[in-house]
C-alpha cells in the first residue's frame, strides 16, 4: 500500500504546491522558484472556490495573482513522487478492470 501525500492546510486548487512542484520538477527553466517561494497562501474557502469556478472576472476577484492555494510550499521531488504513485495506481486499476478483476463500488443514495 502506498502512503498518501501529506495534506495541506489550504485548499490546493490551481498553481498550488503540487502543480508548482510538478512544473519545477519537469520544466525547471519555466518556473521562477525564488518568486514562488515568496507567494503567500490564498487561504481561500469552499465558498471562494464556488465563485472562482465561475471563471473570468469572478475568478480574478478571488485569485488576482492567478493561483489558488500555497505555491510557496512546493517540493519538486515530492510532486514527482506523488504523480508517479498516482500514475502507477491508475495503470494498475485499468489493468484490473481490463482483466475483469475490478468492479466499481456501488453508490448508495443518501437519505436526507
PDB file of N, CA and C in Angstrom:
ATOM      1  N   UNK A   1       0.843  -1.190   0.000  1.00  0.00           N
ATOM      2  CA  UNK A   1       0.000   0.000   0.000  1.00  0.00           C
ATOM      3  C   UNK A   1       0.882   1.246   0.000  1.00  0.00           C
ATOM      4  N   UNK A   2       0.529   2.183  -0.817  1.00  0.00           N
ATOM      5  CA  UNK A   2       1.276   3.422  -0.929  1.00  0.00           C
ATOM      6  C   UNK A   2       0.710   4.427   0.059  1.00  0.00           C
ATOM      7  N   UNK A   3       1.595   5.093   0.790  1.00  0.00           N
ATOM      8  CA  UNK A   3       1.108   6.086   1.743  1.00  0.00           C
ATOM      9  C   UNK A   3       0.657   7.325   0.993  1.00  0.00           C
ATOM     10  N   UNK A   4      -0.406   7.968   1.483  1.00  0.00           N
ATOM     11  CA  UNK A   4      -0.922   9.154   0.786  1.00  0.00           C
ATOM     12  C   UNK A   4       0.028  10.339   0.938  1.00  0.00           C
ATOM     13  N   UNK A   5      -0.116  11.282   0.026  1.00  0.00           N
ATOM     14  CA  UNK A   5       0.672  12.515   0.100  1.00  0.00           C
ATOM     15  C   UNK A   5       0.221  13.309   1.318  1.00  0.00           C
ATOM     16  N   UNK A   6       1.124  14.086   1.908  1.00  0.00           N
ATOM     17  CA  UNK A   6       0.728  14.895   3.055  1.00  0.00           C
ATOM     18  C   UNK A   6      -0.343  15.895   2.669  1.00  0.00           C
ATOM     19  N   UNK A   7      -1.247  16.132   3.583  1.00  0.00           N
ATOM     20  CA  UNK A   7      -2.335  17.089   3.333  1.00  0.00           C
ATOM     21  C   UNK A   7      -1.859  18.501   3.611  1.00  0.00           C
ATOM     22  N   UNK A   8      -2.373  19.428   2.841  1.00  0.00           N
ATOM     23  CA  UNK A   8      -2.054  20.834   3.017  1.00  0.00           C
ATOM     24  C   UNK A   8      -3.057  21.462   3.977  1.00  0.00           C
ATOM     25  N   UNK A   9      -2.671  22.585   4.553  1.00  0.00           N
ATOM     26  CA  UNK A   9      -3.589  23.353   5.397  1.00  0.00           C
ATOM     27  C   UNK A   9      -4.509  24.235   4.557  1.00  0.00           C
ATOM     28  N   UNK A  10      -4.292  24.252   3.248  1.00  0.00           N
ATOM     29  CA  UNK A  10      -5.008  25.149   2.356  1.00  0.00           C
ATOM     30  C   UNK A  10      -5.769  24.365   1.309  1.00  0.00           C
ATOM     31  N   UNK A  11      -6.816  25.006   0.751  1.00  0.00           N
ATOM     32  CA  UNK A  11      -7.449  24.438  -0.433  1.00  0.00           C
ATOM     33  C   UNK A  11      -6.430  24.574  -1.552  1.00  0.00           C
ATOM     34  N   UNK A  12      -6.016  23.470  -2.102  1.00  0.00           N
ATOM     35  CA  UNK A  12      -5.000  23.452  -3.147  1.00  0.00           C
ATOM     36  C   UNK A  12      -5.707  23.170  -4.468  1.00  0.00           C
ATOM     37  N   UNK A  13      -5.948  24.202  -5.257  1.00  0.00           N
ATOM     38  CA  UNK A  13      -6.790  24.083  -6.434  1.00  0.00           C
ATOM     39  C   UNK A  13      -6.037  24.340  -7.739  1.00  0.00           C
ATOM     40  N   UNK A  14      -5.269  25.430  -7.813  1.00  0.00           N
ATOM     41  CA  UNK A  14      -4.629  25.774  -9.089  1.00  0.00           C
ATOM     42  C   UNK A  14      -3.312  26.505  -8.837  1.00  0.00           C
ATOM     43  N   UNK A  15      -2.249  26.042  -9.505  1.00  0.00           N
ATOM     44  CA  UNK A  15      -0.913  26.629  -9.377  1.00  0.00           C
ATOM     45  C   UNK A  15      -0.470  26.637  -7.915  1.00  0.00           C
ATOM     46  N   UNK A  16      -0.923  25.627  -7.184  1.00  0.00           N
ATOM     47  CA  UNK A  16      -0.617  25.488  -5.766  1.00  0.00           C
ATOM     48  C   UNK A  16       0.664  24.678  -5.589  1.00  0.00           C
ATOM     49  N   UNK A  17       0.932  24.170  -4.403  1.00  0.00           N
ATOM     50  CA  UNK A  17       2.208  23.496  -4.144  1.00  0.00           C
ATOM     51  C   UNK A  17       2.439  22.281  -5.044  1.00  0.00           C
ATOM     52  N   UNK A  18       1.412  21.467  -5.282  1.00  0.00           N
ATOM     53  CA  UNK A  18       1.598  20.283  -6.124  1.00  0.00           C
ATOM     54  C   UNK A  18       1.892  20.680  -7.573  1.00  0.00           C
ATOM     55  N   UNK A  19       1.062  21.535  -8.160  1.00  0.00           N
ATOM     56  CA  UNK A  19       1.269  21.933  -9.556  1.00  0.00           C
ATOM     57  C   UNK A  19       2.564  22.722  -9.729  1.00  0.00           C
ATOM     58  N   UNK A  20       2.887  23.592  -8.783  1.00  0.00           N
ATOM     59  CA  UNK A  20       4.143  24.324  -8.867  1.00  0.00           C
ATOM     60  C   UNK A  20       5.320  23.359  -8.742  1.00  0.00           C
ATOM     61  N   UNK A  21       5.182  22.368  -7.860  1.00  0.00           N
ATOM     62  CA  UNK A  21       6.222  21.353  -7.725  1.00  0.00           C
ATOM     63  C   UNK A  21       6.401  20.539  -8.986  1.00  0.00           C
ATOM     64  N   UNK A  22       5.286  20.175  -9.638  1.00  0.00           N
ATOM     65  CA  UNK A  22       5.393  19.443 -10.900  1.00  0.00           C
ATOM     66  C   UNK A  22       6.107  20.257 -11.970  1.00  0.00           C
ATOM     67  N   UNK A  23       5.720  21.510 -12.083  1.00  0.00           N
ATOM     68  CA  UNK A  23       6.364  22.371 -13.079  1.00  0.00           C
ATOM     69  C   UNK A  23       7.856  22.518 -12.771  1.00  0.00           C
ATOM     70  N   UNK A  24       8.202  22.685 -11.500  1.00  0.00           N
ATOM     71  CA  UNK A  24       9.612  22.827 -11.127  1.00  0.00           C
ATOM     72  C   UNK A  24      10.378  21.537 -11.380  1.00  0.00           C
ATOM     73  N   UNK A  25       9.709  20.393 -11.248  1.00  0.00           N
ATOM     74  CA  UNK A  25      10.365  19.102 -11.482  1.00  0.00           C
ATOM     75  C   UNK A  25      10.570  18.829 -12.959  1.00  0.00           C
ATOM     76  N   UNK A  26       9.552  19.085 -13.762  1.00  0.00           N
ATOM     77  CA  UNK A  26       9.603  18.718 -15.172  1.00  0.00           C
ATOM     78  C   UNK A  26      10.003  19.854 -16.112  1.00  0.00           C
ATOM     79  N   UNK A  27       9.761  21.075 -15.711  1.00  0.00           N
ATOM     80  CA  UNK A  27      10.075  22.242 -16.550  1.00  0.00           C
ATOM     81  C   UNK A  27      10.766  23.328 -15.711  1.00  0.00           C
ATOM     82  N   UNK A  28      11.887  23.019 -15.095  1.00  0.00           N
ATOM     83  CA  UNK A  28      12.517  23.958 -14.158  1.00  0.00           C
ATOM     84  C   UNK A  28      12.887  25.305 -14.784  1.00  0.00           C
ATOM     85  N   UNK A  29      13.147  25.339 -16.066  1.00  0.00           N
ATOM     86  CA  UNK A  29      13.504  26.603 -16.710  1.00  0.00           C
ATOM     87  C   UNK A  29      12.314  27.541 -16.864  1.00  0.00           C
ATOM     88  N   UNK A  30      11.117  27.044 -16.593  1.00  0.00           N
ATOM     89  CA  UNK A  30       9.900  27.848 -16.755  1.00  0.00           C
ATOM     90  C   UNK A  30       9.293  28.268 -15.426  1.00  0.00           C
ATOM     91  N   UNK A  31      10.002  28.005 -14.329  1.00  0.00           N
ATOM     92  CA  UNK A  31       9.477  28.347 -13.000  1.00  0.00           C
ATOM     93  C   UNK A  31      10.463  29.274 -12.303  1.00  0.00           C
ATOM     94  N   UNK A  32       9.961  30.398 -11.860  1.00  0.00           N
ATOM     95  CA  UNK A  32      10.767  31.312 -11.051  1.00  0.00           C
ATOM     96  C   UNK A  32      10.614  30.855  -9.605  1.00  0.00           C
ATOM     97  N   UNK A  33      11.471  29.926  -9.205  1.00  0.00           N
ATOM     98  CA  UNK A  33      11.333  29.324  -7.874  1.00  0.00           C
ATOM     99  C   UNK A  33      11.549  30.343  -6.757  1.00  0.00           C
ATOM    100  N   UNK A  34      12.423  31.310  -6.976  1.00  0.00           N
ATOM    101  CA  UNK A  34      12.635  32.338  -5.954  1.00  0.00           C
ATOM    102  C   UNK A  34      11.342  33.131  -5.735  1.00  0.00           C
ATOM    103  N   UNK A  35      10.675  33.487  -6.817  1.00  0.00           N
ATOM    104  CA  UNK A  35       9.403  34.203  -6.704  1.00  0.00           C
ATOM    105  C   UNK A  35       8.338  33.311  -6.074  1.00  0.00           C
ATOM    106  N   UNK A  36       8.251  32.064  -6.517  1.00  0.00           N
ATOM    107  CA  UNK A  36       7.235  31.148  -5.980  1.00  0.00           C
ATOM    108  C   UNK A  36       7.358  31.012  -4.472  1.00  0.00           C
ATOM    109  N   UNK A  37       8.573  30.993  -3.956  1.00  0.00           N
ATOM    110  CA  UNK A  37       8.789  30.858  -2.511  1.00  0.00           C
ATOM    111  C   UNK A  37       8.299  32.068  -1.722  1.00  0.00           C
ATOM    112  N   UNK A  38       8.085  33.200  -2.392  1.00  0.00           N
ATOM    113  CA  UNK A  38       7.636  34.417  -1.698  1.00  0.00           C
ATOM    114  C   UNK A  38       6.120  34.576  -1.695  1.00  0.00           C
ATOM    115  N   UNK A  39       5.416  33.758  -2.467  1.00  0.00           N
ATOM    116  CA  UNK A  39       3.965  33.925  -2.594  1.00  0.00           C
ATOM    117  C   UNK A  39       3.245  33.421  -1.347  1.00  0.00           C
ATOM    118  N   UNK A  40       2.329  34.225  -0.860  1.00  0.00           N
ATOM    119  CA  UNK A  40       1.541  33.846   0.317  1.00  0.00           C
ATOM    120  C   UNK A  40       0.389  32.967  -0.112  1.00  0.00           C
ATOM    121  N   UNK A  41      -0.003  32.065   0.770  1.00  0.00           N
ATOM    122  CA  UNK A  41      -1.167  31.226   0.510  1.00  0.00           C
ATOM    123  C   UNK A  41      -2.403  32.093   0.345  1.00  0.00           C
ATOM    124  N   UNK A  42      -3.308  31.630  -0.497  1.00  0.00           N
ATOM    125  CA  UNK A  42      -4.554  32.366  -0.680  1.00  0.00           C
ATOM    126  C   UNK A  42      -5.503  32.177   0.489  1.00  0.00           C
ATOM    127  N   UNK A  43      -5.370  31.077   1.248  1.00  0.00           N
ATOM    128  CA  UNK A  43      -6.228  30.800   2.408  1.00  0.00           C
ATOM    129  C   UNK A  43      -7.714  30.956   2.078  1.00  0.00           C
ATOM    130  N   UNK A  44      -8.115  30.445   0.935  1.00  0.00           N
ATOM    131  CA  UNK A  44      -9.494  30.600   0.483  1.00  0.00           C
ATOM    132  C   UNK A  44     -10.380  29.453   0.968  1.00  0.00           C
ATOM    133  N   UNK A  45     -11.672  29.710   0.945  1.00  0.00           N
ATOM    134  CA  UNK A  45     -12.665  28.763   1.451  1.00  0.00           C
ATOM    135  C   UNK A  45     -13.373  28.047   0.295  1.00  0.00           C
ATOM    136  N   UNK A  46     -14.207  27.109   0.644  1.00  0.00           N
ATOM    137  CA  UNK A  46     -15.025  26.414  -0.348  1.00  0.00           C
ATOM    138  C   UNK A  46     -15.965  27.415  -1.024  1.00  0.00           C
ATOM    139  N   UNK A  47     -16.458  28.369  -0.276  1.00  0.00           N
ATOM    140  CA  UNK A  47     -17.318  29.398  -0.858  1.00  0.00           C
ATOM    141  C   UNK A  47     -16.545  30.202  -1.910  1.00  0.00           C
ATOM    142  N   UNK A  48     -15.281  30.512  -1.609  1.00  0.00           N
ATOM    143  CA  UNK A  48     -14.441  31.200  -2.588  1.00  0.00           C
ATOM    144  C   UNK A  48     -14.251  30.342  -3.834  1.00  0.00           C
ATOM    145  N   UNK A  49     -14.115  29.054  -3.638  1.00  0.00           N
ATOM    146  CA  UNK A  49     -13.959  28.127  -4.766  1.00  0.00           C
ATOM    147  C   UNK A  49     -15.180  28.179  -5.679  1.00  0.00           C
ATOM    148  N   UNK A  50     -16.359  28.270  -5.111  1.00  0.00           N
ATOM    149  CA  UNK A  50     -17.582  28.337  -5.921  1.00  0.00           C
ATOM    150  C   UNK A  50     -17.595  29.600  -6.773  1.00  0.00           C
ATOM    151  N   UNK A  51     -17.112  30.704  -6.236  1.00  0.00           N
ATOM    152  CA  UNK A  51     -17.016  31.951  -7.010  1.00  0.00           C
ATOM    153  C   UNK A  51     -15.942  31.800  -8.083  1.00  0.00           C
ATOM    154  N   UNK A  52     -14.774  31.292  -7.702  1.00  0.00           N
ATOM    155  CA  UNK A  52     -13.650  31.124  -8.615  1.00  0.00           C
ATOM    156  C   UNK A  52     -14.015  30.236  -9.807  1.00  0.00           C
ATOM    157  N   UNK A  53     -14.820  29.214  -9.541  1.00  0.00           N
ATOM    158  CA  UNK A  53     -15.204  28.262 -10.587  1.00  0.00           C
ATOM    159  C   UNK A  53     -16.042  28.910 -11.693  1.00  0.00           C
ATOM    160  N   UNK A  54     -16.587  30.081 -11.434  1.00  0.00           N
ATOM    161  CA  UNK A  54     -17.352  30.786 -12.466  1.00  0.00           C
ATOM    162  C   UNK A  54     -16.436  31.304 -13.575  1.00  0.00           C
ATOM    163  N   UNK A  55     -15.139  31.444 -13.264  1.00  0.00           N
ATOM    164  CA  UNK A  55     -14.164  31.873 -14.257  1.00  0.00           C
ATOM    165  C   UNK A  55     -14.170  33.366 -14.499  1.00  0.00           C
ATOM    166  N   UNK A  56     -13.343  33.785 -15.448  1.00  0.00           N
ATOM    167  CA  UNK A  56     -13.297  35.177 -15.889  1.00  0.00           C
ATOM    168  C   UNK A  56     -13.076  36.174 -14.774  1.00  0.00           C
ATOM    169  N   UNK A  57     -13.850  37.253 -14.824  1.00  0.00           N
ATOM    170  CA  UNK A  57     -13.710  38.330 -13.847  1.00  0.00           C
ATOM    171  C   UNK A  57     -13.996  37.849 -12.431  1.00  0.00           C
ATOM    172  N   UNK A  58     -14.934  36.913 -12.285  1.00  0.00           N
ATOM    173  CA  UNK A  58     -15.251  36.381 -10.950  1.00  0.00           C
ATOM    174  C   UNK A  58     -14.035  35.678 -10.359  1.00  0.00           C
ATOM    175  N   UNK A  59     -13.353  34.875 -11.166  1.00  0.00           N
ATOM    176  CA  UNK A  59     -12.157  34.174 -10.693  1.00  0.00           C
ATOM    177  C   UNK A  59     -11.062  35.174 -10.334  1.00  0.00           C
ATOM    178  N   UNK A  60     -10.895  36.210 -11.147  1.00  0.00           N
ATOM    179  CA  UNK A  60      -9.858  37.206 -10.877  1.00  0.00           C
ATOM    180  C   UNK A  60     -10.116  37.961  -9.574  1.00  0.00           C
ATOM    181  N   UNK A  61     -11.373  38.119  -9.197  1.00  0.00           N
ATOM    182  CA  UNK A  61     -11.686  38.770  -7.915  1.00  0.00           C
ATOM    183  C   UNK A  61     -11.159  37.932  -6.752  1.00  0.00           C
ATOM    184  N   UNK A  62     -11.264  36.630  -6.885  1.00  0.00           N
ATOM    185  CA  UNK A  62     -10.864  35.717  -5.809  1.00  0.00           C
ATOM    186  C   UNK A  62      -9.356  35.462  -5.845  1.00  0.00           C
ATOM    187  N   UNK A  63      -8.799  35.330  -7.043  1.00  0.00           N
ATOM    188  CA  UNK A  63      -7.381  34.999  -7.192  1.00  0.00           C
ATOM    189  C   UNK A  63      -6.714  35.975  -8.161  1.00  0.00           C
ATOM    190  N   UNK A  64      -6.504  37.210  -7.735  1.00  0.00           N
ATOM    191  CA  UNK A  64      -5.956  38.212  -8.645  1.00  0.00           C
ATOM    192  C   UNK A  64      -4.556  37.871  -9.170  1.00  0.00           C
ATOM    193  N   UNK A  65      -3.805  37.046  -8.460  1.00  0.00           N
ATOM    194  CA  UNK A  65      -2.471  36.659  -8.928  1.00  0.00           C
ATOM    195  C   UNK A  65      -2.497  35.341  -9.702  1.00  0.00           C
ATOM    196  N   UNK A  66      -3.682  34.737  -9.834  1.00  0.00           N
ATOM    197  CA  UNK A  66      -3.831  33.566 -10.688  1.00  0.00           C
ATOM    198  C   UNK A  66      -3.626  32.228 -10.014  1.00  0.00           C
ATOM    199  N   UNK A  67      -3.283  32.184  -8.757  1.00  0.00           N
ATOM    200  CA  UNK A  67      -3.109  30.901  -8.085  1.00  0.00           C
ATOM    201  C   UNK A  67      -4.115  30.756  -6.945  1.00  0.00           C
ATOM    202  N   UNK A  68      -4.424  29.501  -6.617  1.00  0.00           N
ATOM    203  CA  UNK A  68      -5.418  29.188  -5.580  1.00  0.00           C
ATOM    204  C   UNK A  68      -4.798  28.094  -4.717  1.00  0.00           C
ATOM    205  N   UNK A  69      -4.176  28.492  -3.626  1.00  0.00           N
ATOM    206  CA  UNK A  69      -3.507  27.538  -2.751  1.00  0.00           C
ATOM    207  C   UNK A  69      -2.213  28.113  -2.213  1.00  0.00           C
ATOM    208  N   UNK A  70      -1.224  27.239  -2.039  1.00  0.00           N
ATOM    209  CA  UNK A  70       0.036  27.625  -1.417  1.00  0.00           C
ATOM    210  C   UNK A  70       1.219  27.255  -2.310  1.00  0.00           C
ATOM    211  N   UNK A  71       1.498  28.047  -3.349  1.00  0.00           N
ATOM    212  CA  UNK A  71       2.589  27.703  -4.255  1.00  0.00           C
ATOM    213  C   UNK A  71       3.951  27.695  -3.569  1.00  0.00           C
ATOM    214  N   UNK A  72       4.137  28.476  -2.515  1.00  0.00           N
ATOM    215  CA  UNK A  72       5.437  28.547  -1.842  1.00  0.00           C
ATOM    216  C   UNK A  72       5.822  27.229  -1.177  1.00  0.00           C
ATOM    217  N   UNK A  73       4.847  26.380  -0.920  1.00  0.00           N
ATOM    218  CA  UNK A  73       5.113  25.094  -0.276  1.00  0.00           C
ATOM    219  C   UNK A  73       5.544  24.007  -1.249  1.00  0.00           C
ATOM    220  N   UNK A  74       5.906  24.356  -2.465  1.00  0.00           N
ATOM    221  CA  UNK A  74       6.212  23.354  -3.481  1.00  0.00           C
ATOM    222  C   UNK A  74       7.471  22.555  -3.145  1.00  0.00           C
ATOM    223  N   UNK A  75       7.470  21.305  -3.597  1.00  0.00           N
ATOM    224  CA  UNK A  75       8.616  20.405  -3.436  1.00  0.00           C
ATOM    225  C   UNK A  75       8.677  19.547  -4.699  1.00  0.00           C
ATOM    226  N   UNK A  76       9.607  19.842  -5.610  1.00  0.00           N
ATOM    227  CA  UNK A  76       9.651  19.108  -6.874  1.00  0.00           C
ATOM    228  C   UNK A  76       9.768  17.590  -6.704  1.00  0.00           C
ATOM    229  N   UNK A  77      10.604  17.131  -5.781  1.00  0.00           N
ATOM    230  CA  UNK A  77      10.772  15.686  -5.582  1.00  0.00           C
ATOM    231  C   UNK A  77       9.473  15.050  -5.091  1.00  0.00           C
ATOM    232  N   UNK A  78       8.806  15.698  -4.144  1.00  0.00           N
ATOM    233  CA  UNK A  78       7.555  15.157  -3.608  1.00  0.00           C
ATOM    234  C   UNK A  78       6.461  15.166  -4.670  1.00  0.00           C
ATOM    235  N   UNK A  79       6.398  16.220  -5.466  1.00  0.00           N
ATOM    236  CA  UNK A  79       5.377  16.296  -6.516  1.00  0.00           C
ATOM    237  C   UNK A  79       5.602  15.213  -7.556  1.00  0.00           C
ATOM    238  N   UNK A  80       6.846  14.989  -7.958  1.00  0.00           N
ATOM    239  CA  UNK A  80       7.170  13.941  -8.931  1.00  0.00           C
ATOM    240  C   UNK A  80       6.795  12.572  -8.365  1.00  0.00           C
ATOM    241  N   UNK A  81       7.133  12.326  -7.103  1.00  0.00           N
ATOM    242  CA  UNK A  81       6.814  11.042  -6.470  1.00  0.00           C
ATOM    243  C   UNK A  81       5.303  10.836  -6.386  1.00  0.00           C
ATOM    244  N   UNK A  82       4.560  11.899  -6.050  1.00  0.00           N
ATOM    245  CA  UNK A  82       3.099  11.796  -5.969  1.00  0.00           C
ATOM    246  C   UNK A  82       2.508  11.481  -7.337  1.00  0.00           C
ATOM    247  N   UNK A  83       2.993  12.148  -8.382  1.00  0.00           N
ATOM    248  CA  UNK A  83       2.494  11.883  -9.732  1.00  0.00           C
ATOM    249  C   UNK A  83       2.797  10.443 -10.139  1.00  0.00           C
ATOM    250  N   UNK A  84       3.989   9.973  -9.829  1.00  0.00           N
ATOM    251  CA  UNK A  84       4.351   8.592 -10.167  1.00  0.00           C
ATOM    252  C   UNK A  84       3.467   7.585  -9.431  1.00  0.00           C
ATOM    253  N   UNK A  85       3.163   7.852  -8.154  1.00  0.00           N
ATOM    254  CA  UNK A  85       2.252   6.969  -7.397  1.00  0.00           C
ATOM    255  C   UNK A  85       0.875   6.937  -8.043  1.00  0.00           C
ATOM    256  N   UNK A  86       0.344   8.119  -8.358  1.00  0.00           N
ATOM    257  CA  UNK A  86      -0.984   8.191  -8.973  1.00  0.00           C
ATOM    258  C   UNK A  86      -1.001   7.475 -10.325  1.00  0.00           C
ATOM    259  N   UNK A  87       0.055   7.657 -11.100  1.00  0.00           N
ATOM    260  CA  UNK A  87       0.135   7.024 -12.414  1.00  0.00           C
ATOM    261  C   UNK A  87       0.172   5.507 -12.287  1.00  0.00           C
ATOM    262  N   UNK A  88       0.998   4.990 -11.387  1.00  0.00           N
ATOM    263  CA  UNK A  88       1.091   3.539 -11.179  1.00  0.00           C
ATOM    264  C   UNK A  88      -0.235   2.980 -10.668  1.00  0.00           C
ATOM    265  N   UNK A  89      -0.855   3.676  -9.730  1.00  0.00           N
ATOM    266  CA  UNK A  89      -2.139   3.209  -9.203  1.00  0.00           C
ATOM    267  C   UNK A  89      -3.215   3.210 -10.280  1.00  0.00           C
ATOM    268  N   UNK A  90      -3.231   4.243 -11.115  1.00  0.00           N
ATOM    269  CA  UNK A  90      -4.218   4.313 -12.200  1.00  0.00           C
ATOM    270  C   UNK A  90      -3.998   3.189 -13.204  1.00  0.00           C
ATOM    271  N   UNK A  91      -2.739   2.960 -13.572  1.00  0.00           N
ATOM    272  CA  UNK A  91      -2.431   1.891 -14.521  1.00  0.00           C
ATOM    273  C   UNK A  91      -2.827   0.526 -13.952  1.00  0.00           C
ATOM    274  N   UNK A  92      -2.570   0.297 -12.678  1.00  0.00           N
ATOM    275  CA  UNK A  92      -2.929  -0.976 -12.049  1.00  0.00           C
ATOM    276  C   UNK A  92      -4.447  -1.157 -12.023  1.00  0.00           C
ATOM    277  N   UNK A  93      -5.166  -0.098 -11.741  1.00  0.00           N
ATOM    278  CA  UNK A  93      -6.627  -0.171 -11.719  1.00  0.00           C
ATOM    279  C   UNK A  93      -7.180  -0.454 -13.117  1.00  0.00           C
ATOM    280  N   UNK A  94      -6.638   0.196 -14.122  1.00  0.00           N
ATOM    281  CA  UNK A  94      -7.074  -0.051 -15.508  1.00  0.00           C
ATOM    282  C   UNK A  94      -6.787  -1.496 -15.898  1.00  0.00           C
ATOM    283  N   UNK A  95      -5.613  -1.999 -15.536  1.00  0.00           N
ATOM    284  CA  UNK A  95      -5.259  -3.392 -15.854  1.00  0.00           C
ATOM    285  C   UNK A  95      -6.231  -4.359 -15.175  1.00  0.00           C
ATOM    286  N   UNK A  96      -6.562  -4.107 -13.914  1.00  0.00           N
ATOM    287  CA  UNK A  96      -7.519  -4.969 -13.210  1.00  0.00           C
ATOM    288  C   UNK A  96      -8.882  -4.928 -13.889  1.00  0.00           C
ATOM    289  N   UNK A  97      -9.293  -3.743 -14.309  1.00  0.00           N
ATOM    290  CA  UNK A  97     -10.578  -3.596 -14.982  1.00  0.00           C
ATOM    291  C   UNK A  97     -10.594  -4.379 -16.287  1.00  0.00           C
ATOM    292  N   UNK A  98      -9.532  -4.241 -17.085  1.00  0.00           N
ATOM    293  CA  UNK A  98      -9.472  -4.933 -18.369  1.00  0.00           C
ATOM    294  C   UNK A  98      -9.446  -6.449 -18.211  1.00  0.00           C
ATOM    295  N   UNK A  99      -8.921  -6.939 -17.106  1.00  0.00           N
ATOM    296  CA  UNK A  99      -8.888  -8.384 -16.830  1.00  0.00           C
ATOM    297  C   UNK A  99     -10.198  -8.873 -16.207  1.00  0.00           C
ATOM    298  N   UNK A 100     -11.128  -7.951 -15.959  1.00  0.00           N
ATOM    299  CA  UNK A 100     -12.394  -8.314 -15.337  1.00  0.00           C
ATOM    300  C   UNK A 100     -12.289  -8.511 -13.836  1.00  0.00           C
ATOM    301  N   UNK A 101     -11.217  -8.024 -13.230  1.00  0.00           N
ATOM    302  CA  UNK A 101     -10.982  -8.205 -11.791  1.00  0.00           C
ATOM    303  C   UNK A 101     -11.455  -7.021 -10.957  1.00  0.00           C
ATOM    304  N   UNK A 102     -11.928  -5.982 -11.590  1.00  0.00           N
ATOM    305  CA  UNK A 102     -12.335  -4.789 -10.845  1.00  0.00           C
ATOM    306  C   UNK A 102     -13.770  -4.434 -11.164  1.00  0.00           C
ATOM    307  N   UNK A 103     -14.508  -4.181 -10.145  1.00  0.00           N
ATOM    308  CA  UNK A 103     -15.873  -3.659 -10.284  1.00  0.00           C
ATOM    309  C   UNK A 103     -15.941  -2.366  -9.480  1.00  0.00           C
ATOM    310  N   UNK A 104     -16.468  -1.358 -10.089  1.00  0.00           N
ATOM    311  CA  UNK A 104     -16.610  -0.079  -9.387  1.00  0.00           C
ATOM    312  C   UNK A 104     -17.519  -0.251  -8.181  1.00  0.00           C
ATOM    313  N   UNK A 105     -17.210   0.411  -7.092  1.00  0.00           N
ATOM    314  CA  UNK A 105     -18.085   0.308  -5.908  1.00  0.00           C
ATOM    315  C   UNK A 105     -19.451   0.872  -6.226  1.00  0.00           C
ATOM    316  N   UNK A 106     -20.462   0.258  -5.660  1.00  0.00           N
ATOM    317  CA  UNK A 106     -21.821   0.776  -5.873  1.00  0.00           C
ATOM    318  C   UNK A 106     -22.016   2.014  -5.018  1.00  0.00           C
ATOM    319  N   UNK A 107     -22.769   2.930  -5.551  1.00  0.00           N
ATOM    320  CA  UNK A 107     -23.054   4.168  -4.855  1.00  0.00           C
ATOM    321  C   UNK A 107     -24.480   4.101  -4.363  1.00  0.00           C
ATOM    322  N   UNK A 108     -24.641   4.179  -3.076  1.00  0.00           N
ATOM    323  CA  UNK A 108     -25.980   4.155  -2.486  1.00  0.00           C
ATOM    324  C   UNK A 108     -26.468   5.582  -2.291  1.00  0.00           C
ATOM    325  N   UNK A 109     -27.706   5.799  -2.615  1.00  0.00           N
ATOM    326  CA  UNK A 109     -28.292   7.129  -2.407  1.00  0.00           C
ATOM    327  C   UNK A 109     -28.381   7.405  -0.921  1.00  0.00           C
ATOM    328  N   UNK A 110     -27.976   8.611  -0.542  1.00  0.00           N
ATOM    329  CA  UNK A 110     -28.066   9.003   0.860  1.00  0.00           C
ATOM    330  C   UNK A 110     -29.438   9.576   1.131  1.00  0.00           C
ATOM    331  N   UNK A 111     -30.023   9.169   2.221  1.00  0.00           N
ATOM    332  CA  UNK A 111     -31.319   9.727   2.581  1.00  0.00           C
ATOM    333  C   UNK A 111     -31.107  11.036   3.322  1.00  0.00           C
ATOM    334  N   UNK A 112     -31.982  11.982   3.035  1.00  0.00           N
ATOM    335  CA  UNK A 112     -31.849  13.289   3.681  1.00  0.00           C
ATOM    336  C   UNK A 112     -32.912  13.507   4.704  1.00  0.00           C
TER     337      UNK A 112
END
